[in-house]
PDB file of N, CA and C in Angstrom:
ATOM      1  N   MET A   1      56.787  92.538 110.545  1.00  0.00           N
ATOM      2  CA  MET A   1      57.401  92.569 111.960  1.00  0.00           C
ATOM      3  C   MET A   1      59.021  92.652 112.142  1.00  0.00           C
ATOM      4  N   ILE A   2      59.786  91.509 111.168  1.00  0.00           N
ATOM      5  CA  ILE A   2      61.252  91.144 111.054  1.00  0.00           C
ATOM      6  C   ILE A   2      61.620  92.635 110.626  1.00  0.00           C
ATOM      7  N   GLU A   3      61.083  93.329 109.352  1.00  0.00           N
ATOM      8  CA  GLU A   3      61.514  94.996 109.035  1.00  0.00           C
ATOM      9  C   GLU A   3      61.612  95.772 109.650  1.00  0.00           C
ATOM     10  N   GLN A   4      60.740  95.578 110.988  1.00  0.00           N
ATOM     11  CA  GLN A   4      60.801  97.198 112.028  1.00  0.00           C
ATOM     12  C   GLN A   4      61.956  96.471 112.935  1.00  0.00           C
ATOM     13  N   ASP A   5      62.283  95.370 113.130  1.00  0.00           N
ATOM     14  CA  ASP A   5      63.366  95.188 114.065  1.00  0.00           C
ATOM     15  C   ASP A   5      64.806  95.692 113.550  1.00  0.00           C
ATOM     16  N   LEU A   6      64.606  95.418 112.132  1.00  0.00           N
ATOM     17  CA  LEU A   6      65.870  95.286 111.200  1.00  0.00           C
ATOM     18  C   LEU A   6      66.100  96.930 111.207  1.00  0.00           C
ATOM     19  N   ILE A   7      64.953  98.155 110.787  1.00  0.00           N
ATOM     20  CA  ILE A   7      65.222  99.146 111.185  1.00  0.00           C
ATOM     21  C   ILE A   7      65.748  99.698 112.286  1.00  0.00           C
ATOM     22  N   GLU A   8      65.420  99.329 113.452  1.00  0.00           N
ATOM     23  CA  GLU A   8      65.566 100.118 114.895  1.00  0.00           C
ATOM     24  C   GLU A   8      67.129  99.305 114.943  1.00  0.00           C
ATOM     25  N   GLN A   9      67.416  98.363 114.669  1.00  0.00           N
ATOM     26  CA  GLN A   9      68.584  98.075 114.829  1.00  0.00           C
ATOM     27  C   GLN A   9      69.737  99.148 114.266  1.00  0.00           C
ATOM     28  N   LYS A  10      70.135  99.868 115.327  1.00  0.00           N
ATOM     29  CA  LYS A  10      71.394 100.480 114.549  1.00  0.00           C
ATOM     30  C   LYS A  10      72.958 100.287 114.781  1.00  0.00           C
ATOM     31  N   GLU A  11      73.290  99.760 113.998  1.00  0.00           N
ATOM     32  CA  GLU A  11      74.776  99.293 114.292  1.00  0.00           C
ATOM     33  C   GLU A  11      75.999 100.248 113.292  1.00  0.00           C
ATOM     34  N   THR A  12      77.275 100.271 114.404  1.00  0.00           N
ATOM     35  CA  THR A  12      78.142 101.491 113.878  1.00  0.00           C
ATOM     36  C   THR A  12      80.028 100.165 113.286  1.00  0.00           C
ATOM     37  N   TYR A  13      79.992 100.489 112.631  1.00  0.00           N
ATOM     38  CA  TYR A  13      81.139  99.706 111.767  1.00  0.00           C
ATOM     39  C   TYR A  13      82.270 100.828 111.834  1.00  0.00           C
ATOM     40  N   PHE A  14      83.689 100.596 112.778  1.00  0.00           N
ATOM     41  CA  PHE A  14      84.563 101.392 112.795  1.00  0.00           C
ATOM     42  C   PHE A  14      85.961 100.611 111.690  1.00  0.00           C
ATOM     43  N   GLY A  15      86.162 101.639 110.696  1.00  0.00           N
ATOM     44  CA  GLY A  15      87.767 100.371 110.258  1.00  0.00           C
ATOM     45  C   GLY A  15      88.552 101.651 110.004  1.00  0.00           C
ATOM     46  N   LEU A  16      89.492 100.753 109.828  1.00  0.00           N
ATOM     47  CA  LEU A  16      91.230 101.648 109.298  1.00  0.00           C
ATOM     48  C   LEU A  16      91.289 101.391 107.703  1.00  0.00           C
ATOM     49  N   LYS A  17      92.316 102.440 106.888  1.00  0.00           N
ATOM     50  CA  LYS A  17      92.687 101.986 106.094  1.00  0.00           C
ATOM     51  C   LYS A  17      93.976 102.080 106.111  1.00  0.00           C
ATOM     52  N   LEU A  18      95.070 101.376 105.163  1.00  0.00           N
ATOM     53  CA  LEU A  18      96.385 101.461 105.417  1.00  0.00           C
ATOM     54  C   LEU A  18      96.766 102.055 103.695  1.00  0.00           C
ATOM     55  N   HIS A  19      97.478 103.100 103.991  1.00  0.00           N
ATOM     56  CA  HIS A  19      97.981 103.538 102.140  1.00  0.00           C
ATOM     57  C   HIS A  19      99.554 103.486 102.488  1.00  0.00           C
ATOM     58  N   ALA A  20     100.083 102.556 101.397  1.00  0.00           N
ATOM     59  CA  ALA A  20     101.185 102.180 101.531  1.00  0.00           C
ATOM     60  C   ALA A  20     102.335 103.082 100.177  1.00  0.00           C
ATOM     61  N   LEU A  21     102.774 103.244 100.674  1.00  0.00           N
ATOM     62  CA  LEU A  21     103.940 104.130  99.389  1.00  0.00           C
ATOM     63  C   LEU A  21     105.494 103.104  98.948  1.00  0.00           C
ATOM     64  N   VAL A  22     104.899 101.952  97.637  1.00  0.00           N
ATOM     65  CA  VAL A  22     105.747 101.258  97.585  1.00  0.00           C
ATOM     66  C   VAL A  22     107.267 101.149  96.602  1.00  0.00           C
ATOM     67  N   SER A  23     108.480 100.698  96.462  1.00  0.00           N
ATOM     68  CA  SER A  23     109.314 100.991  95.797  1.00  0.00           C
ATOM     69  C   SER A  23     109.163 100.017  94.858  1.00  0.00           C
ATOM     70  N   MET A  24     109.789 100.354  93.364  1.00  0.00           N
ATOM     71  CA  MET A  24     109.895  99.557  92.481  1.00  0.00           C
ATOM     72  C   MET A  24     110.212  97.817  92.849  1.00  0.00           C
ATOM     73  N   LYS A  25     110.891  97.922  93.830  1.00  0.00           N
ATOM     74  CA  LYS A  25     111.841  96.701  94.536  1.00  0.00           C
ATOM     75  C   LYS A  25     110.590  96.260  95.510  1.00  0.00           C
ATOM     76  N   GLY A  26     109.717  96.864  95.554  1.00  0.00           N
ATOM     77  CA  GLY A  26     108.841  96.189  96.927  1.00  0.00           C
ATOM     78  C   GLY A  26     109.115  96.455  98.333  1.00  0.00           C
ATOM     79  N   PHE A  27     109.715  97.694  98.122  1.00  0.00           N
ATOM     80  CA  PHE A  27     109.953  97.950 100.110  1.00  0.00           C
ATOM     81  C   PHE A  27     109.024  99.257 100.158  1.00  0.00           C
ATOM     82  N   ILE A  28     108.135  99.140 101.252  1.00  0.00           N
ATOM     83  CA  ILE A  28     107.252 100.218 101.396  1.00  0.00           C
ATOM     84  C   ILE A  28     108.060 101.608 101.922  1.00  0.00           C
ATOM     85  N   THR A  29     107.888 102.389 101.655  1.00  0.00           N
ATOM     86  CA  THR A  29     108.964 103.943 101.611  1.00  0.00           C
ATOM     87  C   THR A  29     108.525 104.932 102.554  1.00  0.00           C
ATOM     88  N   ASN A  30     107.259 104.660 102.611  1.00  0.00           N
ATOM     89  CA  ASN A  30     106.015 105.480 103.380  1.00  0.00           C
ATOM     90  C   ASN A  30     104.562 105.142 103.347  1.00  0.00           C
ATOM     91  N   PHE A  31     104.192 105.250 104.893  1.00  0.00           N
ATOM     92  CA  PHE A  31     101.957 104.394 104.502  1.00  0.00           C
ATOM     93  C   PHE A  31     102.406 106.093 105.589  1.00  0.00           C
ATOM     94  N   ILE A  32     100.636 105.976 105.807  1.00  0.00           N
ATOM     95  CA  ILE A  32      99.759 106.797 105.782  1.00  0.00           C
ATOM     96  C   ILE A  32      98.445 105.291 106.744  1.00  0.00           C
ATOM     97  N   ILE A  33      97.956 105.882 107.638  1.00  0.00           N
ATOM     98  CA  ILE A  33      96.593 104.912 107.971  1.00  0.00           C
ATOM     99  C   ILE A  33      95.453 105.998 108.308  1.00  0.00           C
ATOM    100  N   THR A  34      94.580 106.225 107.594  1.00  0.00           N
ATOM    101  CA  THR A  34      93.128 106.732 108.067  1.00  0.00           C
ATOM    102  C   THR A  34      92.348 106.323 108.365  1.00  0.00           C
ATOM    103  N   THR A  35      90.983 107.314 108.995  1.00  0.00           N
ATOM    104  CA  THR A  35      89.837 106.044 109.110  1.00  0.00           C
ATOM    105  C   THR A  35      89.344 105.539 107.739  1.00  0.00           C
ATOM    106  N   ALA A  36      88.333 105.009 107.701  1.00  0.00           N
ATOM    107  CA  ALA A  36      87.863 104.481 106.450  1.00  0.00           C
ATOM    108  C   ALA A  36      86.963 105.023 106.161  1.00  0.00           C
ATOM    109  N   ASN A  37      86.419 106.130 106.118  1.00  0.00           N
ATOM    110  CA  ASN A  37      86.055 106.976 105.255  1.00  0.00           C
ATOM    111  C   ASN A  37      86.707 108.339 104.772  1.00  0.00           C
ATOM    112  N   VAL A  38      87.553 108.002 104.970  1.00  0.00           N
ATOM    113  CA  VAL A  38      88.534 108.801 104.157  1.00  0.00           C
ATOM    114  C   VAL A  38      88.755 108.743 102.852  1.00  0.00           C
ATOM    115  N   ASP A  39      88.614 109.609 101.746  1.00  0.00           N
ATOM    116  CA  ASP A  39      88.679 109.207 100.242  1.00  0.00           C
ATOM    117  C   ASP A  39      89.922 108.706 100.259  1.00  0.00           C
ATOM    118  N   ASP A  40      90.220 107.307  99.463  1.00  0.00           N
ATOM    119  CA  ASP A  40      91.740 107.311  98.641  1.00  0.00           C
ATOM    120  C   ASP A  40      92.267 107.870  98.232  1.00  0.00           C
ATOM    121  N   ARG A  41      91.838 108.962  97.441  1.00  0.00           N
ATOM    122  CA  ARG A  41      92.195 109.732  96.420  1.00  0.00           C
ATOM    123  C   ARG A  41      93.104 110.718  97.399  1.00  0.00           C
ATOM    124  N   ALA A  42      92.292 111.584  98.624  1.00  0.00           N
ATOM    125  CA  ALA A  42      92.804 112.438  99.379  1.00  0.00           C
ATOM    126  C   ALA A  42      94.289 111.656 100.427  1.00  0.00           C
ATOM    127  N   ALA A  43      94.254 110.101 100.209  1.00  0.00           N
ATOM    128  CA  ALA A  43      95.370 109.625 101.200  1.00  0.00           C
ATOM    129  C   ALA A  43      96.186 109.338  99.842  1.00  0.00           C
ATOM    130  N   VAL A  44      96.308 109.247  99.018  1.00  0.00           N
ATOM    131  CA  VAL A  44      97.510 109.243  97.647  1.00  0.00           C
ATOM    132  C   VAL A  44      97.954 111.123  97.202  1.00  0.00           C
ATOM    133  N   PHE A  45      97.323 111.494  97.642  1.00  0.00           N
ATOM    134  CA  PHE A  45      97.402 113.018  97.236  1.00  0.00           C
ATOM    135  C   PHE A  45      98.436 113.051  98.860  1.00  0.00           C
ATOM    136  N   GLU A  46      98.122 112.853  99.359  1.00  0.00           N
ATOM    137  CA  GLU A  46      98.945 113.457 100.820  1.00  0.00           C
ATOM    138  C   GLU A  46     100.559 112.897 100.853  1.00  0.00           C
ATOM    139  N   LEU A  47     100.204 111.359 100.218  1.00  0.00           N
ATOM    140  CA  LEU A  47     101.733 110.587  99.622  1.00  0.00           C
ATOM    141  C   LEU A  47     102.699 110.944  99.089  1.00  0.00           C
ATOM    142  N   VAL A  48     102.099 111.509  97.541  1.00  0.00           N
ATOM    143  CA  VAL A  48     102.339 112.117  97.217  1.00  0.00           C
ATOM    144  C   VAL A  48     103.524 113.441  97.221  1.00  0.00           C
ATOM    145  N   GLU A  49     102.623 114.079  98.083  1.00  0.00           N
ATOM    146  CA  GLU A  49     102.933 115.637  98.147  1.00  0.00           C
ATOM    147  C   GLU A  49     104.269 115.499  99.019  1.00  0.00           C
ATOM    148  N   ALA A  50     104.039 114.438 100.447  1.00  0.00           N
ATOM    149  CA  ALA A  50     105.090 114.480 101.434  1.00  0.00           C
ATOM    150  C   ALA A  50     105.978 113.819 100.517  1.00  0.00           C
ATOM    151  N   ASN A  51     106.116 113.429  99.169  1.00  0.00           N
ATOM    152  CA  ASN A  51     107.429 112.277  98.975  1.00  0.00           C
ATOM    153  C   ASN A  51     107.725 113.289  97.720  1.00  0.00           C
ATOM    154  N   LYS A  52     108.027 114.212  97.487  1.00  0.00           N
ATOM    155  CA  LYS A  52     107.824 114.638  95.880  1.00  0.00           C
ATOM    156  C   LYS A  52     109.737 114.262  95.534  1.00  0.00           C
ATOM    157  N   HIS A  53     110.300 114.144  96.142  1.00  0.00           N
ATOM    158  CA  HIS A  53     111.866 113.730  95.682  1.00  0.00           C
ATOM    159  C   HIS A  53     111.547 112.452  95.454  1.00  0.00           C
ATOM    160  N   ILE A  54     110.786 111.470  95.503  1.00  0.00           N
ATOM    161  CA  ILE A  54     110.944 109.854  95.043  1.00  0.00           C
ATOM    162  C   ILE A  54     110.081 110.331  93.466  1.00  0.00           C
ATOM    163  N   LYS A  55     111.217 109.992  92.530  1.00  0.00           N
ATOM    164  CA  LYS A  55     110.993 110.036  90.758  1.00  0.00           C
ATOM    165  C   LYS A  55     110.031 108.847  90.647  1.00  0.00           C
ATOM    166  N   ASN A  56     108.879 109.341  89.751  1.00  0.00           N
ATOM    167  CA  ASN A  56     108.442 107.566  89.004  1.00  0.00           C
ATOM    168  C   ASN A  56     109.040 107.410  87.834  1.00  0.00           C
ATOM    169  N   THR A  57     109.904 106.527  87.402  1.00  0.00           N
ATOM    170  CA  THR A  57     110.143 105.729  86.370  1.00  0.00           C
ATOM    171  C   THR A  57     109.772 105.011  85.632  1.00  0.00           C
ATOM    172  N   ARG A  58     108.060 105.157  85.618  1.00  0.00           N
ATOM    173  CA  ARG A  58     107.429 104.086  84.810  1.00  0.00           C
ATOM    174  C   ARG A  58     105.874 105.152  84.566  1.00  0.00           C
ATOM    175  N   ARG A  59     106.598 105.999  83.620  1.00  0.00           N
ATOM    176  CA  ARG A  59     105.487 107.082  82.749  1.00  0.00           C
ATOM    177  C   ARG A  59     105.510 106.456  81.060  1.00  0.00           C
TER     178      ARG A  59
END
C-alpha cells in the first residue's frame, strides 16, 4: 500500500544554476543563469565563447 502511494505521487522540482566566470582576484566578470537541467559543460562553453578577450594565465 505504501509503495503504491509513493508511485502515485508525482512531484515536480524547479531549479536554477548560476555559472560564473571569476577573475584571478575573485571578481565575477560574467555570469549566466540556467535551468537545472542544462548541462554544466554547455554553460561553460557559452561563457568562454562570450569572453574570448579574457586570457587564461594558468596553463
